[in-house]
Amino acid sequence: MYAYKDGVYTNDDCNIHKTVRFKPEIFRIIEESPGKNFTDKLQKIVEEYAKNKEKVL
């Protein structure tokens, strides 16, 4: 899993297998959510983006 400062997230380690460009405020939330539940929190955000038809590349 990689999270870059420009807000691009890529994940090859779980079911998502997508690259998502987050809004800066979302990325700040991710940066403040380290630890064991990081992947779960990030996956929930990605799934919410997909439901809302945000830009998922």
N, C-alpha and C. Protein backbone atom coordinates (compact mmCIF):
# COMPACT_ATOMS: atom_id res chain seq x y z
N MET A 1 0.84 -1.18 0.00
CA MET A 1 0.00 0.00 0.00
C MET A 1 0.89 1.24 0.00
N TYR A 2 0.51 2.20 -0.81
CA TYR A 2 1.27 3.44 -0.88
C TYR A 2 0.31 4.61 -0.80
N ALA A 3 0.63 5.61 0.00
CA ALA A 3 -0.16 6.84 0.02
C ALA A 3 0.82 7.98 -0.19
N TYR A 4 0.58 8.75 -1.22
CA TYR A 4 1.50 9.81 -1.60
C TYR A 4 0.96 11.16 -1.17
N LYS A 5 1.85 12.14 -0.99
CA LYS A 5 1.44 13.45 -0.51
C LYS A 5 0.53 14.18 -1.49
N ASP A 6 0.54 13.81 -2.76
CA ASP A 6 -0.35 14.49 -3.71
C ASP A 6 -1.76 13.91 -3.68
N GLY A 7 -2.00 12.96 -2.77
CA GLY A 7 -3.34 12.43 -2.59
C GLY A 7 -3.64 11.22 -3.45
N VAL A 8 -2.63 10.61 -4.03
CA VAL A 8 -2.86 9.42 -4.83
C VAL A 8 -2.61 8.20 -3.96
N TYR A 9 -3.56 7.29 -3.99
CA TYR A 9 -3.47 6.08 -3.20
C TYR A 9 -3.51 4.89 -4.14
N THR A 10 -2.58 3.97 -3.98
CA THR A 10 -2.66 2.73 -4.74
C THR A 10 -2.57 1.57 -3.77
N ASN A 11 -3.31 0.53 -4.03
CA ASN A 11 -3.33 -0.61 -3.12
C ASN A 11 -3.34 -1.89 -3.93
N ASP A 12 -2.28 -2.67 -3.78
CA ASP A 12 -2.22 -3.97 -4.44
C ASP A 12 -2.40 -5.10 -3.44
N ASP A 13 -2.69 -4.75 -2.18
CA ASP A 13 -2.71 -5.75 -1.12
C ASP A 13 -4.11 -6.17 -0.70
N CYS A 14 -5.15 -5.54 -1.21
CA CYS A 14 -6.49 -5.96 -0.83
C CYS A 14 -7.40 -5.92 -2.05
N ASN A 15 -8.68 -5.94 -1.84
CA ASN A 15 -9.65 -6.14 -2.92
C ASN A 15 -9.84 -4.96 -3.84
N ILE A 16 -9.27 -3.81 -3.50
CA ILE A 16 -9.61 -2.59 -4.24
C ILE A 16 -8.93 -2.56 -5.61
N HIS A 17 -7.60 -2.74 -5.64
CA HIS A 17 -6.84 -2.78 -6.90
C HIS A 17 -7.16 -1.60 -7.80
N LYS A 18 -7.21 -0.42 -7.23
CA LYS A 18 -7.51 0.78 -8.00
C LYS A 18 -6.60 1.89 -7.53
N THR A 19 -6.52 2.93 -8.30
CA THR A 19 -5.82 4.14 -7.88
C THR A 19 -6.87 5.23 -7.74
N VAL A 20 -6.84 5.91 -6.63
CA VAL A 20 -7.85 6.93 -6.34
C VAL A 20 -7.14 8.23 -6.05
N ARG A 21 -7.62 9.30 -6.63
CA ARG A 21 -7.10 10.62 -6.30
C ARG A 21 -8.09 11.27 -5.33
N PHE A 22 -7.62 11.49 -4.11
CA PHE A 22 -8.48 12.03 -3.07
C PHE A 22 -8.46 13.54 -3.05
N LYS A 23 -9.53 14.10 -2.55
CA LYS A 23 -9.53 15.52 -2.23
C LYS A 23 -8.56 15.73 -1.07
N PRO A 24 -7.89 16.88 -0.98
CA PRO A 24 -6.89 17.09 0.07
C PRO A 24 -7.41 16.86 1.48
N GLU A 25 -8.66 17.25 1.76
CA GLU A 25 -9.18 17.08 3.12
C GLU A 25 -9.33 15.60 3.48
N ILE A 26 -9.69 14.77 2.50
CA ILE A 26 -9.78 13.33 2.73
C ILE A 26 -8.40 12.77 3.02
N PHE A 27 -7.41 13.23 2.25
CA PHE A 27 -6.06 12.72 2.45
C PHE A 27 -5.52 13.09 3.82
N ARG A 28 -5.88 14.29 4.32
CA ARG A 28 -5.46 14.67 5.67
C ARG A 28 -6.03 13.70 6.70
N ILE A 29 -7.27 13.29 6.54
CA ILE A 29 -7.88 12.32 7.45
C ILE A 29 -7.10 11.01 7.42
N ILE A 30 -6.72 10.58 6.23
CA ILE A 30 -5.96 9.34 6.10
C ILE A 30 -4.61 9.46 6.80
N GLU A 31 -3.93 10.59 6.61
CA GLU A 31 -2.63 10.78 7.25
C GLU A 31 -2.73 10.73 8.76
N GLU A 32 -3.87 11.15 9.31
CA GLU A 32 -4.06 11.18 10.75
C GLU A 32 -4.60 9.86 11.29
N SER A 33 -4.70 8.83 10.45
CA SER A 33 -5.27 7.55 10.86
C SER A 33 -4.27 6.41 10.69
N PRO A 34 -3.11 6.50 11.35
CA PRO A 34 -2.13 5.43 11.20
C PRO A 34 -2.51 4.22 12.05
N GLY A 35 -1.78 3.15 11.87
CA GLY A 35 -1.93 2.00 12.75
C GLY A 35 -2.66 0.85 12.10
N LYS A 36 -3.06 -0.05 12.96
CA LYS A 36 -3.60 -1.34 12.57
C LYS A 36 -4.86 -1.24 11.71
N ASN A 37 -5.68 -0.22 11.95
CA ASN A 37 -6.93 -0.08 11.20
C ASN A 37 -6.81 0.80 9.97
N PHE A 38 -5.57 1.15 9.61
CA PHE A 38 -5.35 2.06 8.49
C PHE A 38 -5.98 1.54 7.20
N THR A 39 -5.72 0.28 6.86
CA THR A 39 -6.24 -0.28 5.61
C THR A 39 -7.76 -0.31 5.61
N ASP A 40 -8.37 -0.70 6.74
CA ASP A 40 -9.83 -0.74 6.82
C ASP A 40 -10.43 0.64 6.63
N LYS A 41 -9.84 1.64 7.28
CA LYS A 41 -10.36 3.01 7.14
C LYS A 41 -10.22 3.48 5.70
N LEU A 42 -9.07 3.18 5.11
CA LEU A 42 -8.83 3.62 3.73
C LEU A 42 -9.76 2.91 2.77
N GLN A 43 -9.98 1.62 2.98
CA GLN A 43 -10.88 0.88 2.10
C GLN A 43 -12.30 1.43 2.18
N LYS A 44 -12.75 1.78 3.38
CA LYS A 44 -14.09 2.35 3.53
C LYS A 44 -14.22 3.67 2.78
N ILE A 45 -13.17 4.49 2.85
CA ILE A 45 -13.20 5.77 2.12
C ILE A 45 -13.25 5.52 0.62
N VAL A 46 -12.45 4.58 0.13
CA VAL A 46 -12.44 4.27 -1.30
C VAL A 46 -13.80 3.73 -1.73
N GLU A 47 -14.39 2.86 -0.95
CA GLU A 47 -15.70 2.32 -1.29
C GLU A 47 -16.76 3.41 -1.31
N GLU A 48 -16.67 4.35 -0.37
CA GLU A 48 -17.63 5.46 -0.35
C GLU A 48 -17.47 6.33 -1.59
N TYR A 49 -16.22 6.57 -2.00
CA TYR A 49 -15.97 7.31 -3.25
C TYR A 49 -16.60 6.59 -4.43
N ALA A 50 -16.41 5.28 -4.50
CA ALA A 50 -16.96 4.52 -5.62
C ALA A 50 -18.48 4.60 -5.63
N LYS A 51 -19.11 4.50 -4.47
CA LYS A 51 -20.57 4.61 -4.38
C LYS A 51 -21.05 5.96 -4.86
N ASN A 52 -20.29 6.99 -4.55
CA ASN A 52 -20.67 8.34 -4.93
C ASN A 52 -20.21 8.71 -6.33
N LYS A 53 -19.65 7.72 -7.03
CA LYS A 53 -19.19 7.91 -8.40
C LYS A 53 -18.17 9.03 -8.53
N GLU A 54 -17.30 9.17 -7.52
CA GLU A 54 -16.20 10.11 -7.63
C GLU A 54 -15.20 9.51 -8.61
N LYS A 55 -14.19 10.26 -8.93
CA LYS A 55 -13.23 9.81 -9.94
C LYS A 55 -12.37 8.67 -9.40
N VAL A 56 -12.62 7.48 -9.90
CA VAL A 56 -11.82 6.31 -9.57
C VAL A 56 -11.18 5.87 -10.88
N LEU A 57 -9.88 5.90 -10.92
CA LEU A 57 -9.18 5.57 -12.15
C LEU A 57 -8.98 4.07 -12.27
